[in-house]
Amino acid sequence: MLKSKISKMVGSLALSGAILIPAVSANAWTEYVYVKDLYPDAVDYVFVNNGANDKYVLVQERGYDGRIYETKVKCDKMVGSKCHVAVER
């Protein structure tokens, strides 16, 4: 009798867990990374703010040929004055 109660309890916990896991939104799997941590080997970072909604960083990286290449990275989240970029995990 005790064995059947334990098996019912384990079964109900497994079923409730299986129902709750897909209920987690996709946004919960997104992580925000500081742009300087995302591009650690960059030569320079230029923050550009063109209005209230258009914030991005120009990341300047040195290529293998010695030239400087710029990559425009959109800020998904601002924490203070630091630009964070969304990374899917």
C-alpha atoms as a PDB file:
ATOM      1  CA  MET A   1       0.000   0.000   0.000  1.00  0.00           C
ATOM      2  CA  LEU A   2       2.821   2.375   0.828  1.00  0.00           C
ATOM      3  CA  LYS A   3       4.535   1.509  -2.452  1.00  0.00           C
ATOM      4  CA  SER A   4       1.454   2.457  -4.516  1.00  0.00           C
ATOM      5  CA  LYS A   5       1.110   5.810  -2.707  1.00  0.00           C
ATOM      6  CA  ILE A   6       4.748   6.637  -3.414  1.00  0.00           C
ATOM      7  CA  SER A   7       4.403   5.646  -7.072  1.00  0.00           C
ATOM      8  CA  LYS A   8       1.247   7.809  -7.417  1.00  0.00           C
ATOM      9  CA  MET A   9       3.046  10.751  -5.835  1.00  0.00           C
ATOM     10  CA  VAL A  10       6.081  10.373  -8.119  1.00  0.00           C
ATOM     11  CA  GLY A  11       3.816  10.016 -11.150  1.00  0.00           C
ATOM     12  CA  SER A  12       1.823  13.133 -10.309  1.00  0.00           C
ATOM     13  CA  LEU A  13       5.026  15.157  -9.753  1.00  0.00           C
ATOM     14  CA  ALA A  14       6.416  13.987 -13.098  1.00  0.00           C
ATOM     15  CA  LEU A  15       3.178  14.877 -14.889  1.00  0.00           C
ATOM     16  CA  SER A  16       2.931  18.324 -13.308  1.00  0.00           C
ATOM     17  CA  GLY A  17       6.582  19.012 -14.141  1.00  0.00           C
ATOM     18  CA  ALA A  18       6.036  17.980 -17.758  1.00  0.00           C
ATOM     19  CA  ILE A  19       3.090  20.363 -17.986  1.00  0.00           C
ATOM     20  CA  LEU A  20       4.932  23.322 -16.432  1.00  0.00           C
ATOM     21  CA  ILE A  21       8.204  23.152 -18.437  1.00  0.00           C
ATOM     22  CA  PRO A  22       6.687  24.202 -21.816  1.00  0.00           C
ATOM     23  CA  ALA A  23       4.907  27.083 -20.063  1.00  0.00           C
ATOM     24  CA  VAL A  24       8.238  28.933 -19.640  1.00  0.00           C
ATOM     25  CA  SER A  25       8.336  31.738 -22.181  1.00  0.00           C
ATOM     26  CA  ALA A  26      11.079  32.053 -24.785  1.00  0.00           C
ATOM     27  CA  ASN A  27      12.154  35.338 -23.192  1.00  0.00           C
ATOM     28  CA  ALA A  28      13.326  33.436 -20.111  1.00  0.00           C
ATOM     29  CA  TRP A  29      16.057  31.792 -22.226  1.00  0.00           C
ATOM     30  CA  THR A  30      17.491  35.129 -23.415  1.00  0.00           C
ATOM     31  CA  GLU A  31      20.551  36.444 -21.639  1.00  0.00           C
ATOM     32  CA  TYR A  32      21.840  40.013 -21.872  1.00  0.00           C
ATOM     33  CA  VAL A  33      25.610  40.380 -22.226  1.00  0.00           C
ATOM     34  CA  TYR A  34      27.618  43.588 -21.854  1.00  0.00           C
ATOM     35  CA  VAL A  35      28.919  44.567 -25.295  1.00  0.00           C
ATOM     36  CA  LYS A  36      32.549  44.754 -24.077  1.00  0.00           C
ATOM     37  CA  ASP A  37      32.253  41.182 -22.797  1.00  0.00           C
ATOM     38  CA  LEU A  38      30.805  40.066 -26.133  1.00  0.00           C
ATOM     39  CA  TYR A  39      33.711  41.609 -28.119  1.00  0.00           C
ATOM     40  CA  PRO A  40      36.730  41.391 -25.752  1.00  0.00           C
ATOM     41  CA  ASP A  41      39.385  41.818 -28.476  1.00  0.00           C
ATOM     42  CA  ALA A  42      37.942  45.016 -29.944  1.00  0.00           C
ATOM     43  CA  VAL A  43      40.165  48.047 -30.403  1.00  0.00           C
ATOM     44  CA  ASP A  44      37.539  50.687 -29.572  1.00  0.00           C
ATOM     45  CA  TYR A  45      33.842  51.059 -28.737  1.00  0.00           C
ATOM     46  CA  VAL A  46      31.880  54.128 -29.883  1.00  0.00           C
ATOM     47  CA  PHE A  47      28.451  54.616 -28.286  1.00  0.00           C
ATOM     48  CA  VAL A  48      25.924  56.327 -30.585  1.00  0.00           C
ATOM     49  CA  ASN A  49      22.562  57.651 -29.370  1.00  0.00           C
ATOM     50  CA  ASN A  50      20.348  58.950 -32.187  1.00  0.00           C
ATOM     51  CA  GLY A  51      17.135  59.713 -30.331  1.00  0.00           C
ATOM     52  CA  ALA A  52      15.288  57.866 -27.613  1.00  0.00           C
ATOM     53  CA  ASN A  53      14.914  54.487 -29.355  1.00  0.00           C
ATOM     54  CA  ASP A  54      18.016  54.229 -31.537  1.00  0.00           C
ATOM     55  CA  LYS A  55      21.020  53.285 -29.396  1.00  0.00           C
ATOM     56  CA  TYR A  56      23.902  51.282 -30.746  1.00  0.00           C
ATOM     57  CA  VAL A  57      27.639  50.723 -30.407  1.00  0.00           C
ATOM     58  CA  LEU A  58      30.204  50.800 -33.193  1.00  0.00           C
ATOM     59  CA  VAL A  59      32.666  48.043 -32.337  1.00  0.00           C
ATOM     60  CA  GLN A  60      36.016  48.571 -34.034  1.00  0.00           C
ATOM     61  CA  GLU A  61      38.044  45.405 -34.526  1.00  0.00           C
ATOM     62  CA  ARG A  62      41.414  44.893 -36.200  1.00  0.00           C
ATOM     63  CA  GLY A  63      41.344  42.344 -39.011  1.00  0.00           C
ATOM     64  CA  TYR A  64      44.070  39.905 -40.006  1.00  0.00           C
ATOM     65  CA  ASP A  65      45.164  42.318 -42.737  1.00  0.00           C
ATOM     66  CA  GLY A  66      45.743  45.107 -40.184  1.00  0.00           C
ATOM     67  CA  ARG A  67      42.731  47.176 -41.211  1.00  0.00           C
ATOM     68  CA  ILE A  68      40.095  48.393 -38.738  1.00  0.00           C
ATOM     69  CA  TYR A  69      36.581  47.041 -39.314  1.00  0.00           C
ATOM     70  CA  GLU A  70      33.460  48.502 -37.697  1.00  0.00           C
ATOM     71  CA  THR A  71      30.478  46.431 -36.650  1.00  0.00           C
ATOM     72  CA  LYS A  72      27.235  48.159 -35.699  1.00  0.00           C
ATOM     73  CA  VAL A  73      25.680  46.428 -32.673  1.00  0.00           C
ATOM     74  CA  LYS A  74      22.175  47.414 -31.518  1.00  0.00           C
ATOM     75  CA  CYS A  75      21.693  47.856 -27.776  1.00  0.00           C
ATOM     76  CA  ASP A  76      18.816  45.663 -26.649  1.00  0.00           C
ATOM     77  CA  LYS A  77      18.921  46.767 -23.016  1.00  0.00           C
ATOM     78  CA  MET A  78      20.575  49.696 -21.279  1.00  0.00           C
ATOM     79  CA  VAL A  79      21.739  49.215 -17.692  1.00  0.00           C
ATOM     80  CA  GLY A  80      22.811  52.639 -16.539  1.00  0.00           C
ATOM     81  CA  SER A  81      25.077  53.836 -19.323  1.00  0.00           C
ATOM     82  CA  LYS A  82      26.147  50.337 -20.392  1.00  0.00           C
ATOM     83  CA  CYS A  83      24.881  48.708 -23.583  1.00  0.00           C
ATOM     84  CA  HIS A  84      23.760  45.075 -23.276  1.00  0.00           C
ATOM     85  CA  VAL A  85      23.065  42.772 -26.231  1.00  0.00           C
ATOM     86  CA  ALA A  86      20.579  39.885 -26.205  1.00  0.00           C
ATOM     87  CA  VAL A  87      22.161  36.457 -26.662  1.00  0.00           C
ATOM     88  CA  GLU A  88      20.057  33.321 -27.085  1.00  0.00           C
ATOM     89  CA  ARG A  89      21.079  30.495 -24.754  1.00  0.00           C
END
